[in-house]
Amino acid sequence: MLNEATIKFDVERDNSVICSSRGFFCGKNYPSTIQLVENVDIKNGDWLIDTTTNQRYYVLDAHPIIVGGQPVDWMVKYQTELEYKQQLNVNNNSTTINIHSVNGNSAIGSQANVVFNIGSNLSDIEAIIEKLSPTEQTEANELLTILKDTTESNHPILVEGALSKFSNLIKKHSDLLIAIGGWAVQLLIGTK
């Protein structure tokens, strides 16, 4: 009777079959779970192999069912071999990119995942100004005041030549130019 109602599984550890056990796939109350109906040497990271179909199941979590103080059965949460390989690919293909700061329009990431930084806000501009020399900071703070006033206006308008008196400062510091350009684009498209 036990043989008819269960499947034979081999337990593989370190590429070697170490034992076998009979078990069955649990129902919807225990998704992705196999119950082994014998006490067996099984650990997280082992593979269960259905000897009928040769399907392989990676053991995520093996818990004994204890009766009389002894393990008699095992509940084994698994992942199919395909799911395991897909997860391995995702983990192996992840890319970490560390960047101190980015000003202006940029696309950062791998071919699979990209983070776009379009434009800058006033905080970004302030951070750039803080890095300038004290004499340049005075002029740059005057520029920042104009940008803040424009942003806070009910109907913000950028007038041609409004920033011309700061042209030398802006030309000298390309990061400031890029940040102001991003800020202006955001203002013009209405995301400020």
C-alpha atoms as a PDB file:
ATOM      1  CA  MET A   1       0.000   0.000   0.000  1.00  0.00           C
ATOM      2  CA  LEU A   2       2.801   2.463   0.912  1.00  0.00           C
ATOM      3  CA  ASN A   3       4.497   1.833  -2.426  1.00  0.00           C
ATOM      4  CA  GLU A   4       1.286   2.500  -4.383  1.00  0.00           C
ATOM      5  CA  ALA A   5       0.442   5.782  -2.632  1.00  0.00           C
ATOM      6  CA  THR A   6       3.940   7.256  -2.587  1.00  0.00           C
ATOM      7  CA  ILE A   7       6.863   8.074  -4.857  1.00  0.00           C
ATOM      8  CA  LYS A   8      10.435   6.929  -4.348  1.00  0.00           C
ATOM      9  CA  PHE A   9      12.844   9.855  -3.924  1.00  0.00           C
ATOM     10  CA  ASP A  10      16.635   9.662  -3.877  1.00  0.00           C
ATOM     11  CA  VAL A  11      18.388  12.144  -1.591  1.00  0.00           C
ATOM     12  CA  GLU A  12      21.442  13.677  -3.252  1.00  0.00           C
ATOM     13  CA  ARG A  13      24.124  15.548  -1.329  1.00  0.00           C
ATOM     14  CA  ASP A  14      27.377  16.817  -2.846  1.00  0.00           C
ATOM     15  CA  ASN A  15      26.549  15.118  -6.182  1.00  0.00           C
ATOM     16  CA  SER A  16      26.112  11.675  -4.589  1.00  0.00           C
ATOM     17  CA  VAL A  17      22.930   9.792  -3.745  1.00  0.00           C
ATOM     18  CA  ILE A  18      23.152   9.124  -0.008  1.00  0.00           C
ATOM     19  CA  CYS A  19      19.788   7.435   0.636  1.00  0.00           C
ATOM     20  CA  SER A  20      16.226   6.965  -0.595  1.00  0.00           C
ATOM     21  CA  SER A  21      12.811   7.542   0.916  1.00  0.00           C
ATOM     22  CA  ARG A  22       9.203   7.319  -0.068  1.00  0.00           C
ATOM     23  CA  GLY A  23       7.024  10.424  -0.069  1.00  0.00           C
ATOM     24  CA  PHE A  24       4.290  12.414  -1.759  1.00  0.00           C
ATOM     25  CA  PHE A  25       3.572  15.934  -2.936  1.00  0.00           C
ATOM     26  CA  CYS A  26       1.437  17.804  -0.431  1.00  0.00           C
ATOM     27  CA  GLY A  27      -1.749  19.565  -1.485  1.00  0.00           C
ATOM     28  CA  LYS A  28      -2.649  23.230  -1.769  1.00  0.00           C
ATOM     29  CA  ASN A  29      -2.383  23.775   1.997  1.00  0.00           C
ATOM     30  CA  TYR A  30       1.356  23.047   1.743  1.00  0.00           C
ATOM     31  CA  PRO A  31       2.473  24.381  -1.661  1.00  0.00           C
ATOM     32  CA  SER A  32       5.887  23.315  -2.970  1.00  0.00           C
ATOM     33  CA  THR A  33       6.192  20.741  -0.205  1.00  0.00           C
ATOM     34  CA  ILE A  34       6.985  17.033  -0.254  1.00  0.00           C
ATOM     35  CA  GLN A  35       6.265  14.872   2.773  1.00  0.00           C
ATOM     36  CA  LEU A  36       8.719  12.023   3.175  1.00  0.00           C
ATOM     37  CA  VAL A  37       7.031   9.211   5.078  1.00  0.00           C
ATOM     38  CA  GLU A  38      10.225   7.779   6.550  1.00  0.00           C
ATOM     39  CA  ASN A  39      12.932   9.145   8.783  1.00  0.00           C
ATOM     40  CA  VAL A  40      15.784   9.953   6.452  1.00  0.00           C
ATOM     41  CA  ASP A  41      19.080  11.857   6.478  1.00  0.00           C
ATOM     42  CA  ILE A  42      18.034  15.083   4.713  1.00  0.00           C
ATOM     43  CA  LYS A  43      19.293  18.643   5.084  1.00  0.00           C
ATOM     44  CA  ASN A  44      18.683  22.044   3.565  1.00  0.00           C
ATOM     45  CA  GLY A  45      20.669  22.259   0.326  1.00  0.00           C
ATOM     46  CA  ASP A  46      20.183  18.588  -0.599  1.00  0.00           C
ATOM     47  CA  TRP A  47      18.337  17.490  -3.744  1.00  0.00           C
ATOM     48  CA  LEU A  48      15.321  15.183  -3.855  1.00  0.00           C
ATOM     49  CA  ILE A  49      15.132  13.230  -7.116  1.00  0.00           C
ATOM     50  CA  ASP A  50      11.847  11.642  -8.189  1.00  0.00           C
ATOM     51  CA  THR A  51      13.108   8.233  -9.368  1.00  0.00           C
ATOM     52  CA  THR A  52      10.137   7.802 -11.730  1.00  0.00           C
ATOM     53  CA  THR A  53      10.508  11.088 -13.660  1.00  0.00           C
ATOM     54  CA  ASN A  54      14.091  12.093 -12.700  1.00  0.00           C
ATOM     55  CA  GLN A  55      12.737  15.531 -11.757  1.00  0.00           C
ATOM     56  CA  ARG A  56      15.019  17.226  -9.245  1.00  0.00           C
ATOM     57  CA  TYR A  57      13.839  19.325  -6.291  1.00  0.00           C
ATOM     58  CA  TYR A  58      16.173  21.550  -4.303  1.00  0.00           C
ATOM     59  CA  VAL A  59      15.583  21.327  -0.545  1.00  0.00           C
ATOM     60  CA  LEU A  60      14.950  24.819   0.818  1.00  0.00           C
ATOM     61  CA  ASP A  61      13.685  23.821   4.258  1.00  0.00           C
ATOM     62  CA  ALA A  62      13.504  20.339   5.799  1.00  0.00           C
ATOM     63  CA  HIS A  63      11.566  19.921   9.068  1.00  0.00           C
ATOM     64  CA  PRO A  64      11.064  16.633  10.891  1.00  0.00           C
ATOM     65  CA  ILE A  65       7.679  15.479  12.116  1.00  0.00           C
ATOM     66  CA  ILE A  66       8.345  14.282  15.648  1.00  0.00           C
ATOM     67  CA  VAL A  67       6.357  11.455  17.258  1.00  0.00           C
ATOM     68  CA  GLY A  68       7.369  10.122  20.662  1.00  0.00           C
ATOM     69  CA  GLY A  69      10.442  12.317  20.658  1.00  0.00           C
ATOM     70  CA  GLN A  70      11.779  10.835  17.401  1.00  0.00           C
ATOM     71  CA  PRO A  71      11.590  12.074  13.794  1.00  0.00           C
ATOM     72  CA  VAL A  72       9.297   9.783  11.800  1.00  0.00           C
ATOM     73  CA  ASP A  73       8.476  11.875   8.694  1.00  0.00           C
ATOM     74  CA  TRP A  74       9.877  14.993   7.052  1.00  0.00           C
ATOM     75  CA  MET A  75       8.176  18.024   5.562  1.00  0.00           C
ATOM     76  CA  VAL A  76      10.420  19.316   2.777  1.00  0.00           C
ATOM     77  CA  LYS A  77       9.849  22.749   1.227  1.00  0.00           C
ATOM     78  CA  TYR A  78      11.392  22.632  -2.238  1.00  0.00           C
ATOM     79  CA  GLN A  79      12.211  24.588  -5.355  1.00  0.00           C
ATOM     80  CA  THR A  80      12.159  22.951  -8.784  1.00  0.00           C
ATOM     81  CA  GLU A  81      15.473  22.625 -10.572  1.00  0.00           C
ATOM     82  CA  LEU A  82      14.335  25.235 -13.109  1.00  0.00           C
ATOM     83  CA  GLU A  83      13.406  27.712 -10.352  1.00  0.00           C
ATOM     84  CA  TYR A  84      16.740  27.020  -8.649  1.00  0.00           C
ATOM     85  CA  LYS A  85      18.716  27.703 -11.855  1.00  0.00           C
ATOM     86  CA  GLN A  86      16.718  30.870 -12.595  1.00  0.00           C
ATOM     87  CA  GLN A  87      17.418  32.171  -9.091  1.00  0.00           C
ATOM     88  CA  LEU A  88      21.101  31.342  -9.523  1.00  0.00           C
ATOM     89  CA  ASN A  89      21.151  33.289 -12.813  1.00  0.00           C
ATOM     90  CA  VAL A  90      19.479  36.307 -11.217  1.00  0.00           C
ATOM     91  CA  ASN A  91      21.991  36.280  -8.354  1.00  0.00           C
ATOM     92  CA  ASN A  92      24.960  35.819 -10.690  1.00  0.00           C
ATOM     93  CA  ASN A  93      23.816  38.544 -13.066  1.00  0.00           C
ATOM     94  CA  SER A  94      23.286  41.210 -10.447  1.00  0.00           C
ATOM     95  CA  THR A  95      25.508  44.230 -10.797  1.00  0.00           C
ATOM     96  CA  THR A  96      26.424  46.663  -8.081  1.00  0.00           C
ATOM     97  CA  ILE A  97      27.347  50.146  -9.199  1.00  0.00           C
ATOM     98  CA  ASN A  98      28.579  52.577  -6.571  1.00  0.00           C
ATOM     99  CA  ILE A  99      28.613  56.224  -7.583  1.00  0.00           C
ATOM    100  CA  HIS A 100      29.429  59.092  -5.250  1.00  0.00           C
ATOM    101  CA  SER A 101      27.270  61.704  -6.938  1.00  0.00           C
ATOM    102  CA  VAL A 102      25.674  62.342 -10.285  1.00  0.00           C
ATOM    103  CA  ASN A 103      24.584  65.730 -11.521  1.00  0.00           C
ATOM    104  CA  GLY A 104      22.573  66.222 -14.633  1.00  0.00           C
ATOM    105  CA  ASN A 105      20.959  63.742 -16.945  1.00  0.00           C
ATOM    106  CA  SER A 106      22.334  60.255 -16.626  1.00  0.00           C
ATOM    107  CA  ALA A 107      21.484  56.618 -17.174  1.00  0.00           C
ATOM    108  CA  ILE A 108      23.114  54.316 -14.660  1.00  0.00           C
ATOM    109  CA  GLY A 109      22.886  50.553 -14.489  1.00  0.00           C
ATOM    110  CA  SER A 110      23.351  47.324 -16.357  1.00  0.00           C
ATOM    111  CA  GLN A 111      21.628  46.353 -19.571  1.00  0.00           C
ATOM    112  CA  ALA A 112      18.896  44.685 -17.526  1.00  0.00           C
ATOM    113  CA  ASN A 113      18.201  47.479 -15.028  1.00  0.00           C
ATOM    114  CA  VAL A 114      18.689  51.173 -15.549  1.00  0.00           C
ATOM    115  CA  VAL A 115      18.001  54.065 -13.207  1.00  0.00           C
ATOM    116  CA  PHE A 116      17.438  57.360 -14.983  1.00  0.00           C
ATOM    117  CA  ASN A 117      18.305  60.649 -13.335  1.00  0.00           C
ATOM    118  CA  ILE A 118      16.723  63.398 -15.354  1.00  0.00           C
ATOM    119  CA  GLY A 119      17.188  66.838 -13.936  1.00  0.00           C
ATOM    120  CA  SER A 120      18.255  68.188 -10.606  1.00  0.00           C
ATOM    121  CA  ASN A 121      16.476  69.858  -7.744  1.00  0.00           C
ATOM    122  CA  LEU A 122      17.482  72.822  -5.642  1.00  0.00           C
ATOM    123  CA  SER A 123      19.036  70.552  -3.010  1.00  0.00           C
ATOM    124  CA  ASP A 124      21.391  69.151  -5.651  1.00  0.00           C
ATOM    125  CA  ILE A 125      22.350  72.671  -6.684  1.00  0.00           C
ATOM    126  CA  GLU A 126      22.911  73.678  -3.045  1.00  0.00           C
ATOM    127  CA  ALA A 127      25.203  70.674  -2.549  1.00  0.00           C
ATOM    128  CA  ILE A 128      27.309  71.780  -5.515  1.00  0.00           C
ATOM    129  CA  ILE A 129      27.468  75.354  -4.220  1.00  0.00           C
ATOM    130  CA  GLU A 130      28.701  74.167  -0.810  1.00  0.00           C
ATOM    131  CA  LYS A 131      31.780  72.711  -2.523  1.00  0.00           C
ATOM    132  CA  LEU A 132      32.735  76.021  -4.178  1.00  0.00           C
ATOM    133  CA  SER A 133      35.302  78.445  -2.772  1.00  0.00           C
ATOM    134  CA  PRO A 134      33.916  81.037  -0.304  1.00  0.00           C
ATOM    135  CA  THR A 135      34.076  83.840  -2.860  1.00  0.00           C
ATOM    136  CA  GLU A 136      32.263  81.780  -5.483  1.00  0.00           C
ATOM    137  CA  GLN A 137      29.693  80.675  -2.912  1.00  0.00           C
ATOM    138  CA  THR A 138      28.561  84.272  -2.426  1.00  0.00           C
ATOM    139  CA  GLU A 139      27.796  84.681  -6.125  1.00  0.00           C
ATOM    140  CA  ALA A 140      26.333  81.160  -6.377  1.00  0.00           C
ATOM    141  CA  ASN A 141      24.014  81.767  -3.406  1.00  0.00           C
ATOM    142  CA  GLU A 142      22.657  84.843  -5.182  1.00  0.00           C
ATOM    143  CA  LEU A 143      21.988  82.601  -8.182  1.00  0.00           C
ATOM    144  CA  LEU A 144      20.319  80.047  -5.904  1.00  0.00           C
ATOM    145  CA  THR A 145      18.023  82.738  -4.495  1.00  0.00           C
ATOM    146  CA  ILE A 146      16.830  83.574  -8.033  1.00  0.00           C
ATOM    147  CA  LEU A 147      16.215  79.882  -8.751  1.00  0.00           C
ATOM    148  CA  LYS A 148      14.289  79.455  -5.480  1.00  0.00           C
ATOM    149  CA  ASP A 149      12.176  82.545  -6.158  1.00  0.00           C
ATOM    150  CA  THR A 150      11.398  81.246  -9.640  1.00  0.00           C
ATOM    151  CA  THR A 151      10.448  77.808  -8.300  1.00  0.00           C
ATOM    152  CA  GLU A 152       8.228  79.219  -5.542  1.00  0.00           C
ATOM    153  CA  SER A 153       6.413  81.608  -7.874  1.00  0.00           C
ATOM    154  CA  ASN A 154       2.753  80.853  -8.662  1.00  0.00           C
ATOM    155  CA  HIS A 155       3.598  81.129 -12.365  1.00  0.00           C
ATOM    156  CA  PRO A 156       7.312  80.406 -12.703  1.00  0.00           C
ATOM    157  CA  ILE A 157       8.836  82.013 -15.760  1.00  0.00           C
ATOM    158  CA  LEU A 158      12.390  81.853 -17.048  1.00  0.00           C
ATOM    159  CA  VAL A 159      13.235  85.024 -18.928  1.00  0.00           C
ATOM    160  CA  GLU A 160      15.984  85.084 -21.525  1.00  0.00           C
ATOM    161  CA  GLY A 161      19.181  86.448 -19.997  1.00  0.00           C
ATOM    162  CA  ALA A 162      17.927  86.163 -16.393  1.00  0.00           C
ATOM    163  CA  LEU A 163      21.033  84.243 -15.381  1.00  0.00           C
ATOM    164  CA  SER A 164      23.504  86.053 -17.653  1.00  0.00           C
ATOM    165  CA  LYS A 165      25.280  87.798 -14.775  1.00  0.00           C
ATOM    166  CA  PHE A 166      26.262  84.329 -13.501  1.00  0.00           C
ATOM    167  CA  SER A 167      27.527  83.080 -16.881  1.00  0.00           C
ATOM    168  CA  ASN A 168      31.228  83.027 -15.913  1.00  0.00           C
ATOM    169  CA  LEU A 169      30.499  81.048 -12.744  1.00  0.00           C
ATOM    170  CA  ILE A 170      28.248  78.613 -14.607  1.00  0.00           C
ATOM    171  CA  LYS A 171      30.761  78.127 -17.427  1.00  0.00           C
ATOM    172  CA  LYS A 172      33.563  77.526 -14.942  1.00  0.00           C
ATOM    173  CA  HIS A 173      31.654  74.785 -13.080  1.00  0.00           C
ATOM    174  CA  SER A 174      30.097  72.342 -15.539  1.00  0.00           C
ATOM    175  CA  ASP A 175      28.460  70.358 -12.726  1.00  0.00           C
ATOM    176  CA  LEU A 176      26.585  73.523 -11.726  1.00  0.00           C
ATOM    177  CA  LEU A 177      25.616  74.157 -15.358  1.00  0.00           C
ATOM    178  CA  ILE A 178      24.283  70.597 -15.706  1.00  0.00           C
ATOM    179  CA  ALA A 179      22.341  70.828 -12.422  1.00  0.00           C
ATOM    180  CA  ILE A 180      20.762  74.175 -13.356  1.00  0.00           C
ATOM    181  CA  GLY A 181      19.900  72.812 -16.806  1.00  0.00           C
ATOM    182  CA  GLY A 182      18.183  69.800 -15.235  1.00  0.00           C
ATOM    183  CA  TRP A 183      16.329  72.057 -12.813  1.00  0.00           C
ATOM    184  CA  ALA A 184      15.183  74.280 -15.712  1.00  0.00           C
ATOM    185  CA  VAL A 185      13.931  71.303 -17.726  1.00  0.00           C
ATOM    186  CA  GLN A 186      11.934  70.055 -14.741  1.00  0.00           C
ATOM    187  CA  LEU A 187      10.497  73.547 -14.313  1.00  0.00           C
ATOM    188  CA  LEU A 188       9.542  73.717 -17.979  1.00  0.00           C
ATOM    189  CA  ILE A 189       7.868  70.313 -18.065  1.00  0.00           C
ATOM    190  CA  GLY A 190       5.998  71.036 -14.847  1.00  0.00           C
ATOM    191  CA  THR A 191       7.538  68.508 -12.465  1.00  0.00           C
ATOM    192  CA  LYS A 192       8.708  71.124  -9.946  1.00  0.00           C
END
